[in-house]
């Protein structure tokens, strides 16, 4: 068996005389080869990296434009010698504290796999490093062809999707507990954040489902015959992700409706309480207004009528309060 050829092209930045970082003149690319198959990986590829790969492999200029563009929809472009694949995966953007879509541009040929994510995708980085450090793993993944290596890259990426879904599920459980602990006003923002994450996740996965089904058929020429069913597992993983998102969408809508019902009920109770207080005070205010007019009234100047009027007011207020309690309006 031929010895593996390991060559990693890590280019440092050239520095100016004043210690300032000068413009790069060489591409920053990581490369790993074994038994005629080469895996090239570059995070956040720029003009230098893309130009180097285009010159080396002869990629179509439209694919090069797609790699350099900020956002492309998931798609597959088929050529006689290679496939160009664009896929999206969820990542948490700490700068805006939101779930965002990371784009992975992939070139697949008979003797090469090129992965070019626009942000670092940890599953790809970890798998690349493991292949560097573990010769047995490298032999297992590289000896089955470029399609089999791509399958493992995508498999790790979709496995990375499920912990994000688990975190969303944990948030939904916490929201449900908060609602029934009568903290409905406090969870409105939590519901909004969870709903935004679910919507963002659905926007990432929905257009990708059809692309993965097409990828399953397109990669057959890069896979041994006995491994052609492997990409069906990737399609199944995307469908499980979509099913969970559908479930979470129904849950968050149900929680939002329940929370709004609790808030509406509490508001109605407050309005009902204020209405009862107003109704009790209304006849008392009328009685006080009548005897507070600037005209002569019976018993004026005497103390006994005052206590009589006060007693009538107490009995009237108490009677109205007892009536409302008996009718269960309070």
Protein backbone atom coordinates (compact mmCIF):
# COMPACT_ATOMS: atom_id res chain seq x y z
CA UNK A 1 0.00 0.00 0.00
CA UNK A 2 1.37 3.40 -0.92
CA UNK A 3 2.28 5.69 1.91
CA UNK A 4 -0.07 8.62 2.35
CA UNK A 5 1.06 11.96 1.07
CA UNK A 6 0.35 14.68 3.59
CA UNK A 7 0.87 18.20 2.44
CA UNK A 8 -0.76 21.10 4.17
CA UNK A 9 -0.48 24.51 2.63
CA UNK A 10 -0.72 26.98 5.48
CA UNK A 11 0.40 30.38 4.37
CA UNK A 12 1.09 33.07 6.92
CA UNK A 13 0.45 36.73 6.28
CA UNK A 14 3.32 38.80 5.05
CA UNK A 15 4.13 41.72 7.32
CA UNK A 16 5.30 45.16 6.40
CA UNK A 17 8.32 46.89 7.85
CA UNK A 18 6.20 48.85 10.29
CA UNK A 19 4.60 45.70 11.72
CA UNK A 20 1.35 46.20 9.82
CA UNK A 21 -0.29 43.21 8.17
CA UNK A 22 0.30 43.42 4.44
CA UNK A 23 -2.02 42.07 1.79
CA UNK A 24 -1.75 38.30 1.40
CA UNK A 25 -0.04 37.02 -1.72
CA UNK A 26 -0.53 33.27 -1.23
CA UNK A 27 -3.72 31.25 -0.62
CA UNK A 28 -4.52 29.82 2.82
CA UNK A 29 -5.49 26.25 2.04
CA UNK A 30 -5.32 22.98 3.98
CA UNK A 31 -4.74 19.86 1.92
CA UNK A 32 -4.75 16.17 2.75
CA UNK A 33 -4.03 13.32 0.29
CA UNK A 34 -4.15 9.53 0.45
CA UNK A 35 -4.05 6.89 -2.30
CA UNK A 36 -4.75 9.35 -5.10
CA UNK A 37 -7.63 11.17 -3.37
CA UNK A 38 -7.11 14.75 -2.20
CA UNK A 39 -9.23 16.69 0.27
CA UNK A 40 -8.77 20.46 0.05
CA UNK A 41 -10.33 22.62 2.74
CA UNK A 42 -10.41 26.39 3.19
CA UNK A 43 -12.52 28.43 5.62
CA UNK A 44 -13.82 31.76 4.33
CA UNK A 45 -12.16 31.47 0.90
CA UNK A 46 -11.18 34.71 -0.78
CA UNK A 47 -10.01 35.68 -4.23
CA UNK A 48 -6.58 34.10 -3.78
CA UNK A 49 -7.93 30.73 -2.67
CA UNK A 50 -10.59 30.57 -5.36
CA UNK A 51 -8.23 31.68 -8.14
CA UNK A 52 -5.67 29.07 -7.06
CA UNK A 53 -8.25 26.26 -7.10
CA UNK A 54 -9.78 27.41 -10.40
CA UNK A 55 -6.38 27.38 -12.08
CA UNK A 56 -5.48 24.02 -10.56
CA UNK A 57 -8.74 22.18 -11.34
CA UNK A 58 -10.24 24.19 -14.19
CA UNK A 59 -13.58 25.01 -12.57
CA UNK A 60 -16.23 26.92 -14.48
CA UNK A 61 -16.12 30.68 -13.98
CA UNK A 62 -19.78 30.78 -12.88
CA UNK A 63 -19.00 28.39 -10.04
CA UNK A 64 -16.13 30.64 -9.01
CA UNK A 65 -18.53 33.59 -8.91
CA UNK A 66 -20.93 31.56 -6.78
CA UNK A 67 -18.19 30.75 -4.27
CA UNK A 68 -17.25 34.42 -3.94
CA UNK A 69 -20.85 35.64 -3.70
CA UNK A 70 -22.26 36.19 -0.22
CA UNK A 71 -25.35 33.99 -0.52
CA UNK A 72 -26.46 31.30 -2.93
CA UNK A 73 -29.48 29.04 -2.73
CA UNK A 74 -28.78 25.31 -2.24
CA UNK A 75 -28.14 23.77 -5.65
CA UNK A 76 -26.14 21.23 -7.66
CA UNK A 77 -24.34 21.97 -10.94
CA UNK A 78 -23.24 18.87 -12.83
CA UNK A 79 -20.24 18.82 -15.15
CA UNK A 80 -18.54 15.93 -16.96
CA UNK A 81 -15.62 15.88 -14.52
CA UNK A 82 -17.06 17.20 -11.26
CA UNK A 83 -20.05 18.36 -9.24
CA UNK A 84 -20.47 21.79 -7.71
CA UNK A 85 -22.73 21.69 -4.65
CA UNK A 86 -24.05 24.54 -2.47
CA UNK A 87 -25.58 23.61 0.87
CA UNK A 88 -26.62 25.58 3.95
CA UNK A 89 -26.26 24.61 7.60
CA UNK A 90 -27.35 26.41 10.79
CA UNK A 91 -24.78 28.18 12.94
CA UNK A 92 -25.26 30.46 15.94
CA UNK A 93 -23.98 33.96 15.22
CA UNK A 94 -22.81 35.37 18.55
CA UNK A 95 -22.44 38.89 17.15
CA UNK A 96 -26.21 39.21 16.56
CA UNK A 97 -27.25 36.38 18.92
CA UNK A 98 -29.30 34.74 16.21
CA UNK A 99 -29.34 31.49 14.26
CA UNK A 100 -27.85 32.10 10.84
CA UNK A 101 -27.17 30.10 7.68
CA UNK A 102 -23.61 29.03 6.89
CA UNK A 103 -22.96 28.27 3.24
CA UNK A 104 -20.78 25.31 2.28
CA UNK A 105 -19.52 25.29 -1.31
CA UNK A 106 -18.29 21.84 -2.36
CA UNK A 107 -16.47 20.58 -5.45
CA UNK A 108 -16.54 16.81 -5.95
CA UNK A 109 -14.46 14.94 -8.52
CA UNK A 110 -13.15 11.42 -8.95
CA UNK A 111 -9.86 12.21 -7.19
CA UNK A 112 -10.66 15.28 -5.13
CA UNK A 113 -13.07 16.80 -2.61
CA UNK A 114 -12.94 20.54 -1.98
CA UNK A 115 -14.89 22.07 0.92
CA UNK A 116 -15.19 25.87 1.07
CA UNK A 117 -17.50 27.07 3.89
CA UNK A 118 -18.03 30.81 4.15
CA UNK A 119 -17.70 30.52 7.96
CA UNK A 120 -15.94 27.85 9.97
CA UNK A 121 -18.07 24.73 10.28
CA UNK A 122 -16.72 22.87 13.29
CA UNK A 123 -17.77 19.35 12.17
CA UNK A 124 -15.77 19.76 8.93
CA UNK A 125 -12.77 21.19 10.75
CA UNK A 126 -12.80 18.42 13.35
CA UNK A 127 -13.13 15.66 10.74
CA UNK A 128 -10.25 17.13 8.73
CA UNK A 129 -8.02 17.21 11.81
CA UNK A 130 -8.99 13.68 12.78
CA UNK A 131 -8.03 12.47 9.31
CA UNK A 132 -4.68 14.21 9.71
CA UNK A 133 -3.97 12.62 13.08
CA UNK A 134 -5.50 9.16 12.59
CA UNK A 135 -4.04 7.14 9.72
CA UNK A 136 -6.57 4.32 10.16
CA UNK A 137 -9.47 6.76 9.85
CA UNK A 138 -7.82 8.39 6.85
CA UNK A 139 -7.41 5.02 5.16
CA UNK A 140 -11.03 4.08 5.88
CA UNK A 141 -12.51 7.32 4.49
CA UNK A 142 -10.19 7.97 1.56
CA UNK A 143 -9.94 4.41 0.23
CA UNK A 144 -13.67 4.30 -0.71
CA UNK A 145 -13.55 7.26 -3.07
CA UNK A 146 -14.47 10.93 -2.99
CA UNK A 147 -18.22 10.28 -2.73
CA UNK A 148 -17.79 8.24 0.43
CA UNK A 149 -15.63 10.98 1.96
CA UNK A 150 -18.29 13.57 1.09
CA UNK A 151 -20.92 11.37 2.74
CA UNK A 152 -19.00 11.45 6.03
CA UNK A 153 -18.55 15.21 5.82
CA UNK A 154 -22.30 15.72 5.32
CA UNK A 155 -23.15 13.09 7.93
CA UNK A 156 -21.13 14.99 10.55
CA UNK A 157 -22.74 18.27 9.50
CA UNK A 158 -26.26 16.90 9.89
CA UNK A 159 -25.35 15.26 13.20
CA UNK A 160 -24.35 18.77 14.30
CA UNK A 161 -27.88 19.99 13.46
CA UNK A 162 -29.57 17.86 16.13
CA UNK A 163 -27.92 19.45 19.23
CA UNK A 164 -29.22 22.82 18.00
CA UNK A 165 -32.69 21.29 17.74
CA UNK A 166 -32.32 19.87 21.26
CA UNK A 167 -31.54 23.36 22.58
CA UNK A 168 -34.68 24.71 20.92
CA UNK A 169 -36.70 21.87 22.47
CA UNK A 170 -35.26 22.72 25.91
CA UNK A 171 -36.28 26.36 25.41
CA UNK A 172 -39.83 25.29 24.56
CA UNK A 173 -40.03 23.17 27.73
CA UNK A 174 -38.82 26.14 29.80
CA UNK A 175 -41.39 28.43 28.15
CA UNK A 176 -44.20 26.00 28.91
CA UNK A 177 -43.18 25.82 32.58
CA UNK A 178 -42.96 29.61 32.81
CA UNK A 179 -46.46 30.03 31.36
CA UNK A 180 -48.08 27.69 33.88
CA UNK A 181 -46.15 29.29 36.71
CA UNK A 182 -48.20 32.42 35.95
CA UNK A 183 -45.30 34.36 34.48
CA UNK A 184 -46.99 34.78 31.12
CA UNK A 185 -45.99 38.42 30.68
CA UNK A 186 -42.33 37.52 31.23
CA UNK A 187 -42.18 34.86 28.51
CA UNK A 188 -43.41 36.93 25.58
CA UNK A 189 -39.82 37.74 24.56
CA UNK A 190 -38.76 34.11 25.05
CA UNK A 191 -41.56 32.97 22.77
CA UNK A 192 -40.56 35.55 20.18
CA UNK A 193 -36.90 34.44 20.26
CA UNK A 194 -37.77 30.75 20.02
CA UNK A 195 -40.19 31.43 17.17
CA UNK A 196 -37.51 33.38 15.31
CA UNK A 197 -35.03 30.53 15.68
CA UNK A 198 -37.53 27.98 14.37
CA UNK A 199 -38.40 30.20 11.39
CA UNK A 200 -34.72 30.77 10.60
CA UNK A 201 -33.99 27.05 10.85
CA UNK A 202 -36.92 26.21 8.55
CA UNK A 203 -35.68 28.75 5.99
CA UNK A 204 -32.32 26.97 5.96
CA UNK A 205 -33.61 23.40 5.68
CA UNK A 206 -36.65 23.78 3.41
CA UNK A 207 -34.86 24.60 0.11
CA UNK A 208 -32.15 22.04 0.88
CA UNK A 209 -34.41 18.98 0.96
CA UNK A 210 -34.88 18.80 -2.80
CA UNK A 211 -31.17 19.49 -3.34
CA UNK A 212 -30.20 16.54 -1.16
CA UNK A 213 -32.51 14.22 -3.09
CA UNK A 214 -30.83 15.33 -6.30
CA UNK A 215 -27.40 14.92 -4.68
CA UNK A 216 -28.29 11.32 -3.83
CA UNK A 217 -28.61 10.56 -7.54
CA UNK A 218 -25.75 12.77 -8.72
CA UNK A 219 -23.07 11.23 -6.50
CA UNK A 220 -23.60 7.67 -7.73
CA UNK A 221 -20.75 7.98 -10.24
CA UNK A 222 -18.36 8.90 -7.43
CA UNK A 223 -19.33 5.95 -5.20
CA UNK A 224 -18.65 2.22 -5.37
CA UNK A 225 -21.78 0.30 -6.29
CA UNK A 226 -22.17 -1.19 -2.83
CA UNK A 227 -22.12 2.28 -1.25
CA UNK A 228 -24.72 3.98 -3.45
CA UNK A 229 -27.38 3.82 -0.72
CA UNK A 230 -25.30 5.81 1.77
CA UNK A 231 -26.63 9.20 0.69
CA UNK A 232 -30.16 8.00 1.40
CA UNK A 233 -29.14 8.29 5.06
CA UNK A 234 -28.37 12.00 4.52
CA UNK A 235 -31.81 12.53 2.99
CA UNK A 236 -33.38 10.75 5.96
CA UNK A 237 -31.46 12.97 8.37
CA UNK A 238 -32.72 16.11 6.63
CA UNK A 239 -36.28 14.77 6.79
CA UNK A 240 -35.93 14.08 10.53
CA UNK A 241 -34.70 17.63 11.03
CA UNK A 242 -37.68 18.95 9.05
CA UNK A 243 -40.15 16.80 11.01
CA UNK A 244 -38.77 18.11 14.30
CA UNK A 245 -39.00 21.68 13.03
CA UNK A 246 -42.60 21.09 12.01
CA UNK A 247 -43.32 19.74 15.47
CA UNK A 248 -41.59 22.69 17.14
CA UNK A 249 -43.52 25.10 14.92
CA UNK A 250 -46.82 23.62 16.14
CA UNK A 251 -45.61 23.63 19.75
CA UNK A 252 -44.49 27.27 19.72
CA UNK A 253 -47.74 28.34 18.06
CA UNK A 254 -49.69 26.44 20.72
CA UNK A 255 -47.60 27.99 23.51
CA UNK A 256 -48.07 31.44 22.02
CA UNK A 257 -51.83 30.93 21.88
CA UNK A 258 -51.90 29.61 25.45
CA UNK A 259 -49.80 32.50 26.69
CA UNK A 260 -52.06 35.02 24.97
CA UNK A 261 -55.07 33.34 26.58
CA UNK A 262 -53.48 33.65 30.01
CA UNK A 263 -52.67 37.31 29.41
CA UNK A 264 -56.18 37.99 28.09
CA UNK A 265 -57.72 36.20 31.09
CA UNK A 266 -55.63 38.22 33.54
CA UNK A 267 -56.53 41.46 31.78
CA UNK A 268 -60.22 40.57 31.81
CA UNK A 269 -60.06 39.80 35.53
CA UNK A 270 -58.45 43.16 36.22
CA UNK A 271 -61.07 44.94 34.15
CA UNK A 272 -63.80 43.00 35.94
CA UNK A 273 -62.36 43.96 39.33
CA UNK A 274 -62.16 47.62 38.36
CA UNK A 275 -65.73 47.49 37.06
CA UNK A 276 -66.99 46.03 40.35
CA UNK A 277 -65.20 48.71 42.35
CA UNK A 278 -66.69 51.38 40.09
CA UNK A 279 -70.21 49.96 40.45
CA UNK A 280 -69.88 49.86 44.26
CA UNK A 281 -68.58 53.41 44.46
CA UNK A 282 -71.13 54.85 42.04
CA UNK A 283 -74.22 54.85 44.35
CA UNK A 284 -72.07 55.94 47.28
CA UNK A 285 -70.73 58.85 45.24
CA UNK A 286 -74.29 59.75 44.20
CA UNK A 287 -75.49 59.71 47.80
CA UNK A 288 -72.56 61.85 48.96
CA UNK A 289 -73.12 64.28 46.08
CA UNK A 290 -76.79 64.74 46.93
CA UNK A 291 -76.07 65.66 50.53
CA UNK A 292 -73.04 67.72 49.52
CA UNK A 293 -75.07 70.21 47.43
CA UNK A 294 -74.94 73.88 48.38
CA UNK A 295 -78.65 73.95 49.33
CA UNK A 296 -80.47 73.27 52.53
CA UNK A 297 -81.16 69.56 53.15
CA UNK A 298 -83.00 67.69 55.90
CA UNK A 299 -80.95 67.30 59.08
CA UNK A 300 -78.47 70.04 58.16
CA UNK A 301 -76.44 71.19 61.14
CA UNK A 302 -77.11 68.01 63.15
CA UNK A 303 -74.71 65.11 63.81
CA UNK A 304 -77.20 62.22 63.79
CA UNK A 305 -78.08 62.42 60.06
CA UNK A 306 -74.35 62.24 59.24
CA UNK A 307 -74.00 58.89 60.98
CA UNK A 308 -77.21 57.66 59.40
CA UNK A 309 -76.01 58.54 55.90
CA UNK A 310 -72.62 56.95 56.62
CA UNK A 311 -74.36 53.78 57.83
CA UNK A 312 -76.49 53.65 54.68
CA UNK A 313 -73.37 53.96 52.55
CA UNK A 314 -71.60 51.12 54.40
CA UNK A 315 -74.66 48.86 54.18
CA UNK A 316 -75.13 49.66 50.48
CA UNK A 317 -71.48 49.02 49.63
CA UNK A 318 -71.39 45.83 51.66
CA UNK A 319 -74.62 44.62 50.10
CA UNK A 320 -73.34 45.20 46.57
CA UNK A 321 -70.07 43.43 47.42
CA UNK A 322 -71.96 40.44 48.84
CA UNK A 323 -74.18 40.34 45.74
CA UNK A 324 -71.14 40.24 43.42
CA UNK A 325 -69.51 37.46 45.46
CA UNK A 326 -72.78 35.49 45.46
CA UNK A 327 -72.99 35.84 41.64
CA UNK A 328 -69.29 34.85 41.46
CA UNK A 329 -68.32 38.00 39.69
CA UNK A 330 -65.41 38.33 42.11
